[in-house]
Amino acid sequence: MKNKILIAVDLSDQTAGIINKGIELANKLDATILICSIIPVYVDYLQSQMALIPTQWDEIYTAQKQHALKELAVIKGKHPHLLIDFYVEVGNPKYDVIEKAKLEKANYIVVGTHGHTGLYHTVIGSTAEYIIRHATVPVLVVPMNREEH
């Protein structure tokens, strides 16, 4: 059975670097690739925006999913020699990436860091840190802050 690499991205400016590292790993291991993008639902934010009715939130999330699928299709098109699938869903990235890796029987997870510190990191938490601590397979972490401290 071929190795499978799950590459978790949020479609930020750093996405290309994360995907490139995942592709490097996939080429070395002759692995298939699953690019996974979980559109985050922030309950606290949603509660503060109760003026929007649920169908409006559905429209927002549908538009975000369609945008993500288009972006990922472009990435897949740049690498026609690789077997790349993608998965886009609305949820909690911390938990859903781990769950998807288990369901897909991924052998590796590739994830990036954003380098947030202080209050933001404390309140929001680090998705990469959570994945590293809870994954049952090796995790390749691609640092976003490439400067030395």
N, C-alpha and C. Protein backbone atom coordinates (compact mmCIF):
# COMPACT_ATOMS: atom_id res chain seq x y z
N MET A 1 0.85 -1.19 0.00
CA MET A 1 0.00 0.00 0.00
C MET A 1 0.89 1.24 0.00
N LYS A 2 0.52 2.22 -0.80
CA LYS A 2 1.27 3.47 -0.90
C LYS A 2 1.11 4.31 0.36
N ASN A 3 2.17 5.07 0.67
CA ASN A 3 2.07 6.05 1.75
C ASN A 3 1.10 7.15 1.35
N LYS A 4 0.49 7.77 2.35
CA LYS A 4 -0.40 8.90 2.10
C LYS A 4 0.04 10.04 3.02
N ILE A 5 0.14 11.22 2.44
CA ILE A 5 0.52 12.41 3.19
C ILE A 5 -0.66 13.37 3.19
N LEU A 6 -1.06 13.79 4.39
CA LEU A 6 -2.11 14.79 4.53
C LEU A 6 -1.41 16.13 4.75
N ILE A 7 -1.68 17.08 3.87
CA ILE A 7 -1.12 18.43 3.99
C ILE A 7 -2.24 19.35 4.43
N ALA A 8 -2.11 19.90 5.65
CA ALA A 8 -3.15 20.77 6.21
C ALA A 8 -2.80 22.23 5.93
N VAL A 9 -3.71 22.93 5.25
CA VAL A 9 -3.46 24.33 4.90
C VAL A 9 -4.70 25.18 5.19
N ASP A 10 -4.45 26.47 5.38
CA ASP A 10 -5.57 27.39 5.63
C ASP A 10 -5.73 28.40 4.48
N LEU A 11 -5.00 28.18 3.39
CA LEU A 11 -5.04 29.04 2.20
C LEU A 11 -4.58 30.46 2.49
N SER A 12 -3.68 30.61 3.46
CA SER A 12 -3.06 31.89 3.74
C SER A 12 -1.88 32.08 2.79
N ASP A 13 -1.14 33.15 2.98
CA ASP A 13 0.02 33.42 2.12
C ASP A 13 1.08 32.33 2.21
N GLN A 14 1.11 31.60 3.30
CA GLN A 14 2.13 30.57 3.52
C GLN A 14 1.77 29.22 2.91
N THR A 15 0.58 29.10 2.37
CA THR A 15 0.10 27.81 1.86
C THR A 15 1.04 27.20 0.83
N ALA A 16 1.54 27.99 -0.10
CA ALA A 16 2.40 27.45 -1.16
C ALA A 16 3.64 26.79 -0.57
N GLY A 17 4.25 27.40 0.42
CA GLY A 17 5.44 26.82 1.05
C GLY A 17 5.15 25.51 1.75
N ILE A 18 4.01 25.45 2.41
CA ILE A 18 3.61 24.22 3.11
C ILE A 18 3.37 23.10 2.09
N ILE A 19 2.64 23.41 1.05
CA ILE A 19 2.35 22.41 0.02
C ILE A 19 3.63 21.95 -0.67
N ASN A 20 4.53 22.88 -0.95
CA ASN A 20 5.79 22.49 -1.60
C ASN A 20 6.58 21.51 -0.74
N LYS A 21 6.64 21.73 0.56
CA LYS A 21 7.34 20.80 1.46
C LYS A 21 6.64 19.45 1.48
N GLY A 22 5.31 19.47 1.49
CA GLY A 22 4.57 18.22 1.46
C GLY A 22 4.80 17.46 0.16
N ILE A 23 4.88 18.18 -0.94
CA ILE A 23 5.14 17.54 -2.24
C ILE A 23 6.55 16.96 -2.27
N GLU A 24 7.53 17.69 -1.72
CA GLU A 24 8.89 17.16 -1.62
C GLU A 24 8.89 15.82 -0.89
N LEU A 25 8.20 15.78 0.25
CA LEU A 25 8.13 14.55 1.03
C LEU A 25 7.43 13.44 0.24
N ALA A 26 6.34 13.80 -0.43
CA ALA A 26 5.59 12.81 -1.22
C ALA A 26 6.45 12.23 -2.34
N ASN A 27 7.24 13.08 -2.98
CA ASN A 27 8.12 12.59 -4.04
C ASN A 27 9.17 11.62 -3.50
N LYS A 28 9.72 11.93 -2.34
CA LYS A 28 10.73 11.07 -1.74
C LYS A 28 10.15 9.72 -1.31
N LEU A 29 8.90 9.74 -0.89
CA LEU A 29 8.27 8.52 -0.36
C LEU A 29 7.35 7.84 -1.38
N ASP A 30 7.26 8.40 -2.58
CA ASP A 30 6.33 7.89 -3.59
C ASP A 30 4.92 7.78 -2.99
N ALA A 31 4.47 8.87 -2.40
CA ALA A 31 3.21 8.89 -1.66
C ALA A 31 2.12 9.64 -2.41
N THR A 32 0.88 9.30 -2.08
CA THR A 32 -0.26 10.10 -2.55
C THR A 32 -0.43 11.27 -1.58
N ILE A 33 -1.17 12.27 -2.03
CA ILE A 33 -1.33 13.50 -1.24
C ILE A 33 -2.80 13.81 -1.06
N LEU A 34 -3.15 14.19 0.16
CA LEU A 34 -4.47 14.74 0.45
C LEU A 34 -4.25 16.12 1.03
N ILE A 35 -4.67 17.15 0.30
CA ILE A 35 -4.58 18.52 0.82
C ILE A 35 -5.89 18.80 1.53
N CYS A 36 -5.78 19.15 2.79
CA CYS A 36 -6.94 19.32 3.67
C CYS A 36 -7.03 20.77 4.13
N SER A 37 -8.14 21.40 3.88
CA SER A 37 -8.37 22.77 4.34
C SER A 37 -9.68 22.81 5.13
N ILE A 38 -9.57 23.12 6.40
CA ILE A 38 -10.74 23.22 7.27
C ILE A 38 -11.03 24.70 7.49
N ILE A 39 -12.18 25.14 7.05
CA ILE A 39 -12.60 26.53 7.24
C ILE A 39 -13.10 26.65 8.68
N PRO A 40 -12.44 27.49 9.49
CA PRO A 40 -12.76 27.50 10.92
C PRO A 40 -14.09 28.15 11.25
N VAL A 41 -14.77 27.54 12.20
CA VAL A 41 -15.98 28.10 12.78
C VAL A 41 -15.58 28.61 14.16
N TYR A 42 -15.72 29.87 14.39
CA TYR A 42 -15.40 30.44 15.69
C TYR A 42 -16.70 30.76 16.40
N VAL A 43 -17.05 29.93 17.36
CA VAL A 43 -18.34 30.03 18.05
C VAL A 43 -18.50 31.38 18.73
N ASP A 44 -17.46 31.87 19.39
CA ASP A 44 -17.57 33.16 20.07
C ASP A 44 -17.90 34.27 19.08
N TYR A 45 -17.26 34.23 17.91
CA TYR A 45 -17.53 35.23 16.90
C TYR A 45 -18.95 35.09 16.37
N LEU A 46 -19.35 33.87 16.12
CA LEU A 46 -20.70 33.64 15.61
C LEU A 46 -21.76 34.15 16.59
N GLN A 47 -21.54 33.93 17.89
CA GLN A 47 -22.51 34.38 18.88
C GLN A 47 -22.62 35.90 18.89
N SER A 48 -21.50 36.59 18.61
CA SER A 48 -21.54 38.05 18.59
C SER A 48 -22.19 38.58 17.31
N GLN A 49 -22.38 37.73 16.34
CA GLN A 49 -22.95 38.14 15.06
C GLN A 49 -24.36 37.56 14.87
N MET A 50 -25.10 37.43 15.93
CA MET A 50 -26.41 36.79 15.86
C MET A 50 -27.40 37.53 14.97
N ALA A 51 -27.05 38.74 14.56
CA ALA A 51 -27.95 39.47 13.66
C ALA A 51 -28.06 38.76 12.31
N LEU A 52 -27.02 38.00 11.97
CA LEU A 52 -27.09 37.24 10.73
C LEU A 52 -27.91 35.98 10.96
N ILE A 53 -28.77 35.70 10.03
CA ILE A 53 -29.59 34.49 10.17
C ILE A 53 -28.79 33.28 9.66
N PRO A 54 -29.12 32.08 10.11
CA PRO A 54 -28.34 30.90 9.74
C PRO A 54 -28.14 30.71 8.24
N THR A 55 -29.14 31.06 7.42
CA THR A 55 -28.96 30.88 5.98
C THR A 55 -27.86 31.80 5.44
N GLN A 56 -27.67 32.98 6.06
CA GLN A 56 -26.59 33.85 5.63
C GLN A 56 -25.24 33.22 5.95
N TRP A 57 -25.12 32.59 7.13
CA TRP A 57 -23.87 31.90 7.48
C TRP A 57 -23.62 30.76 6.51
N ASP A 58 -24.68 30.04 6.12
CA ASP A 58 -24.53 28.96 5.15
C ASP A 58 -23.98 29.50 3.83
N GLU A 59 -24.48 30.65 3.40
CA GLU A 59 -24.01 31.26 2.16
C GLU A 59 -22.54 31.65 2.28
N ILE A 60 -22.16 32.21 3.41
CA ILE A 60 -20.76 32.62 3.64
C ILE A 60 -19.85 31.40 3.58
N TYR A 61 -20.22 30.34 4.29
CA TYR A 61 -19.39 29.14 4.32
C TYR A 61 -19.36 28.44 2.96
N THR A 62 -20.47 28.44 2.24
CA THR A 62 -20.50 27.85 0.91
C THR A 62 -19.55 28.60 -0.01
N ALA A 63 -19.56 29.91 0.05
CA ALA A 63 -18.66 30.72 -0.77
C ALA A 63 -17.20 30.46 -0.40
N GLN A 64 -16.92 30.34 0.89
CA GLN A 64 -15.55 30.05 1.32
C GLN A 64 -15.09 28.68 0.84
N LYS A 65 -15.97 27.70 0.91
CA LYS A 65 -15.62 26.36 0.44
C LYS A 65 -15.36 26.36 -1.07
N GLN A 66 -16.21 27.05 -1.83
CA GLN A 66 -16.02 27.11 -3.28
C GLN A 66 -14.70 27.78 -3.63
N HIS A 67 -14.36 28.85 -2.91
CA HIS A 67 -13.09 29.54 -3.13
C HIS A 67 -11.92 28.59 -2.84
N ALA A 68 -12.00 27.88 -1.72
CA ALA A 68 -10.93 26.95 -1.34
C ALA A 68 -10.78 25.85 -2.38
N LEU A 69 -11.88 25.30 -2.85
CA LEU A 69 -11.81 24.24 -3.86
C LEU A 69 -11.17 24.73 -5.17
N LYS A 70 -11.48 25.97 -5.56
CA LYS A 70 -10.86 26.55 -6.76
C LYS A 70 -9.36 26.70 -6.57
N GLU A 71 -8.96 27.23 -5.41
CA GLU A 71 -7.53 27.40 -5.12
C GLU A 71 -6.79 26.07 -5.15
N LEU A 72 -7.38 25.05 -4.55
CA LEU A 72 -6.74 23.75 -4.50
C LEU A 72 -6.71 23.09 -5.88
N ALA A 73 -7.72 23.34 -6.70
CA ALA A 73 -7.72 22.80 -8.07
C ALA A 73 -6.56 23.40 -8.88
N VAL A 74 -6.27 24.67 -8.66
CA VAL A 74 -5.14 25.32 -9.34
C VAL A 74 -3.84 24.65 -8.91
N ILE A 75 -3.71 24.40 -7.61
CA ILE A 75 -2.50 23.74 -7.10
C ILE A 75 -2.36 22.35 -7.70
N LYS A 76 -3.44 21.60 -7.73
CA LYS A 76 -3.42 20.25 -8.31
C LYS A 76 -3.02 20.31 -9.78
N GLY A 77 -3.52 21.29 -10.49
CA GLY A 77 -3.19 21.44 -11.91
C GLY A 77 -1.72 21.70 -12.17
N LYS A 78 -1.02 22.27 -11.19
CA LYS A 78 0.42 22.55 -11.33
C LYS A 78 1.26 21.29 -11.14
N HIS A 79 0.65 20.22 -10.65
CA HIS A 79 1.39 18.99 -10.36
C HIS A 79 0.66 17.78 -10.95
N PRO A 80 0.51 17.74 -12.27
CA PRO A 80 -0.28 16.66 -12.88
C PRO A 80 0.33 15.27 -12.71
N HIS A 81 1.60 15.21 -12.40
CA HIS A 81 2.29 13.92 -12.24
C HIS A 81 2.03 13.27 -10.88
N LEU A 82 1.39 14.01 -9.97
CA LEU A 82 1.14 13.49 -8.62
C LEU A 82 -0.34 13.15 -8.44
N LEU A 83 -0.58 12.16 -7.59
CA LEU A 83 -1.95 11.82 -7.22
C LEU A 83 -2.34 12.69 -6.04
N ILE A 84 -3.10 13.75 -6.31
CA ILE A 84 -3.50 14.71 -5.28
C ILE A 84 -5.02 14.76 -5.19
N ASP A 85 -5.53 14.55 -4.00
CA ASP A 85 -6.94 14.77 -3.70
C ASP A 85 -7.03 15.93 -2.73
N PHE A 86 -8.21 16.50 -2.62
CA PHE A 86 -8.37 17.52 -1.60
C PHE A 86 -9.69 17.40 -0.89
N TYR A 87 -9.68 17.96 0.32
CA TYR A 87 -10.83 17.88 1.21
C TYR A 87 -11.01 19.27 1.82
N VAL A 88 -12.20 19.83 1.67
CA VAL A 88 -12.51 21.14 2.25
C VAL A 88 -13.80 21.01 3.03
N GLU A 89 -13.78 21.47 4.26
CA GLU A 89 -14.97 21.39 5.10
C GLU A 89 -14.93 22.54 6.11
N VAL A 90 -16.06 22.83 6.69
CA VAL A 90 -16.17 23.83 7.75
C VAL A 90 -16.10 23.08 9.07
N GLY A 91 -15.31 23.59 10.00
CA GLY A 91 -15.19 22.92 11.29
C GLY A 91 -14.13 23.54 12.17
N ASN A 92 -13.52 22.70 12.99
CA ASN A 92 -12.45 23.12 13.88
C ASN A 92 -11.16 22.48 13.39
N PRO A 93 -10.25 23.27 12.82
CA PRO A 93 -9.05 22.70 12.22
C PRO A 93 -8.25 21.79 13.17
N LYS A 94 -8.15 22.17 14.43
CA LYS A 94 -7.37 21.38 15.38
C LYS A 94 -7.84 19.93 15.42
N TYR A 95 -9.11 19.76 15.56
CA TYR A 95 -9.67 18.42 15.73
C TYR A 95 -9.91 17.72 14.39
N ASP A 96 -10.37 18.49 13.42
CA ASP A 96 -10.77 17.88 12.15
C ASP A 96 -9.58 17.38 11.33
N VAL A 97 -8.43 18.04 11.42
CA VAL A 97 -7.24 17.57 10.71
C VAL A 97 -6.82 16.22 11.28
N ILE A 98 -6.79 16.12 12.61
CA ILE A 98 -6.43 14.85 13.26
C ILE A 98 -7.42 13.75 12.86
N GLU A 99 -8.69 14.06 12.90
CA GLU A 99 -9.72 13.08 12.56
C GLU A 99 -9.61 12.64 11.10
N LYS A 100 -9.40 13.59 10.20
CA LYS A 100 -9.28 13.26 8.77
C LYS A 100 -8.05 12.39 8.53
N ALA A 101 -6.94 12.70 9.20
CA ALA A 101 -5.73 11.89 9.05
C ALA A 101 -5.99 10.45 9.48
N LYS A 102 -6.74 10.27 10.56
CA LYS A 102 -7.08 8.92 11.02
C LYS A 102 -7.98 8.21 10.01
N LEU A 103 -9.03 8.89 9.57
CA LEU A 103 -9.98 8.29 8.62
C LEU A 103 -9.31 7.90 7.31
N GLU A 104 -8.40 8.72 6.85
CA GLU A 104 -7.73 8.49 5.57
C GLU A 104 -6.52 7.57 5.71
N LYS A 105 -6.20 7.20 6.96
CA LYS A 105 -5.02 6.36 7.23
C LYS A 105 -3.75 7.01 6.67
N ALA A 106 -3.63 8.32 6.91
CA ALA A 106 -2.44 9.06 6.48
C ALA A 106 -1.22 8.57 7.26
N ASN A 107 -0.10 8.49 6.58
CA ASN A 107 1.15 8.08 7.21
C ASN A 107 1.92 9.26 7.77
N TYR A 108 1.66 10.45 7.23
CA TYR A 108 2.34 11.68 7.65
C TYR A 108 1.36 12.83 7.55
N ILE A 109 1.59 13.85 8.39
CA ILE A 109 0.84 15.11 8.32
C ILE A 109 1.87 16.22 8.11
N VAL A 110 1.57 17.13 7.21
CA VAL A 110 2.40 18.32 7.00
C VAL A 110 1.55 19.52 7.38
N VAL A 111 2.11 20.37 8.23
CA VAL A 111 1.37 21.53 8.73
C VAL A 111 2.35 22.69 8.88
N GLY A 112 1.84 23.90 8.78
CA GLY A 112 2.68 25.09 8.94
C GLY A 112 2.37 25.80 10.24
N THR A 113 3.30 26.65 10.64
CA THR A 113 3.08 27.50 11.81
C THR A 113 2.92 28.93 11.34
N HIS A 114 2.25 29.71 12.16
CA HIS A 114 2.11 31.13 11.85
C HIS A 114 2.99 32.01 12.72
N GLY A 115 3.54 31.44 13.77
CA GLY A 115 4.44 32.20 14.62
C GLY A 115 3.73 33.18 15.54
N HIS A 116 2.44 32.98 15.80
CA HIS A 116 1.74 33.86 16.72
C HIS A 116 2.24 33.62 18.14
N THR A 117 2.34 34.69 18.90
CA THR A 117 2.77 34.57 20.29
C THR A 117 1.83 35.39 21.16
N GLY A 118 2.11 35.39 22.44
CA GLY A 118 1.38 36.24 23.37
C GLY A 118 -0.08 35.90 23.49
N LEU A 119 -0.91 36.96 23.61
CA LEU A 119 -2.34 36.79 23.86
C LEU A 119 -3.03 36.03 22.74
N TYR A 120 -2.69 36.32 21.49
CA TYR A 120 -3.34 35.62 20.37
C TYR A 120 -3.13 34.11 20.51
N HIS A 121 -1.89 33.73 20.78
CA HIS A 121 -1.59 32.30 20.91
C HIS A 121 -2.33 31.70 22.11
N THR A 122 -2.40 32.43 23.20
CA THR A 122 -3.06 31.93 24.40
C THR A 122 -4.57 31.78 24.19
N VAL A 123 -5.19 32.75 23.57
CA VAL A 123 -6.64 32.73 23.40
C VAL A 123 -7.05 31.78 22.27
N ILE A 124 -6.45 31.91 21.13
CA ILE A 124 -6.83 31.10 19.97
C ILE A 124 -6.16 29.74 20.02
N GLY A 125 -4.93 29.69 20.49
CA GLY A 125 -4.20 28.43 20.55
C GLY A 125 -3.54 28.13 19.23
N SER A 126 -2.62 27.23 19.25
CA SER A 126 -1.89 26.89 18.04
C SER A 126 -2.42 25.59 17.46
N THR A 127 -2.93 25.68 16.26
CA THR A 127 -3.41 24.49 15.58
C THR A 127 -2.26 23.51 15.35
N ALA A 128 -1.13 24.03 14.90
CA ALA A 128 0.03 23.16 14.66
C ALA A 128 0.47 22.47 15.94
N GLU A 129 0.51 23.21 17.03
CA GLU A 129 0.92 22.63 18.31
C GLU A 129 -0.04 21.51 18.73
N TYR A 130 -1.32 21.74 18.58
CA TYR A 130 -2.31 20.72 18.93
C TYR A 130 -2.11 19.46 18.07
N ILE A 131 -1.92 19.66 16.77
CA ILE A 131 -1.74 18.53 15.87
C ILE A 131 -0.48 17.74 16.24
N ILE A 132 0.60 18.44 16.53
CA ILE A 132 1.84 17.78 16.93
C ILE A 132 1.62 16.93 18.18
N ARG A 133 0.92 17.46 19.15
CA ARG A 133 0.71 16.76 20.42
C ARG A 133 -0.25 15.58 20.31
N HIS A 134 -1.19 15.64 19.39
CA HIS A 134 -2.24 14.62 19.34
C HIS A 134 -2.19 13.67 18.14
N ALA A 135 -1.33 13.96 17.19
CA ALA A 135 -1.25 13.10 16.00
C ALA A 135 -0.68 11.74 16.38
N THR A 136 -1.13 10.72 15.69
CA THR A 136 -0.62 9.37 15.92
C THR A 136 0.36 8.95 14.83
N VAL A 137 0.67 9.90 13.92
CA VAL A 137 1.65 9.67 12.86
C VAL A 137 2.64 10.83 12.89
N PRO A 138 3.80 10.68 12.25
CA PRO A 138 4.78 11.77 12.23
C PRO A 138 4.20 13.03 11.60
N VAL A 139 4.63 14.18 12.14
CA VAL A 139 4.18 15.48 11.65
C VAL A 139 5.39 16.29 11.21
N LEU A 140 5.35 16.77 9.97
CA LEU A 140 6.37 17.68 9.47
C LEU A 140 5.83 19.09 9.64
N VAL A 141 6.56 19.90 10.40
CA VAL A 141 6.13 21.28 10.66
C VAL A 141 6.97 22.22 9.81
N VAL A 142 6.31 23.02 9.00
CA VAL A 142 6.97 23.99 8.15
C VAL A 142 6.90 25.35 8.85
N PRO A 143 8.05 25.89 9.29
CA PRO A 143 8.01 27.17 10.01
C PRO A 143 7.73 28.32 9.05
N MET A 144 6.90 29.25 9.49
CA MET A 144 6.58 30.42 8.67
C MET A 144 7.56 31.55 8.92
N ASN A 145 8.06 31.64 10.14
CA ASN A 145 9.02 32.68 10.48
C ASN A 145 10.40 32.13 10.21
N ARG A 146 11.00 32.53 9.12
CA ARG A 146 12.29 31.96 8.73
C ARG A 146 13.47 32.77 9.25
N GLU A 147 13.21 33.76 10.07
CA GLU A 147 14.30 34.55 10.64
C GLU A 147 14.71 33.96 11.98
N GLU A 148 15.99 34.07 12.28
CA GLU A 148 16.46 33.62 13.59
C GLU A 148 16.10 34.66 14.63
N HIS A 149 15.89 34.17 15.85
CA HIS A 149 15.54 35.09 16.94
C HIS A 149 16.76 35.38 17.78
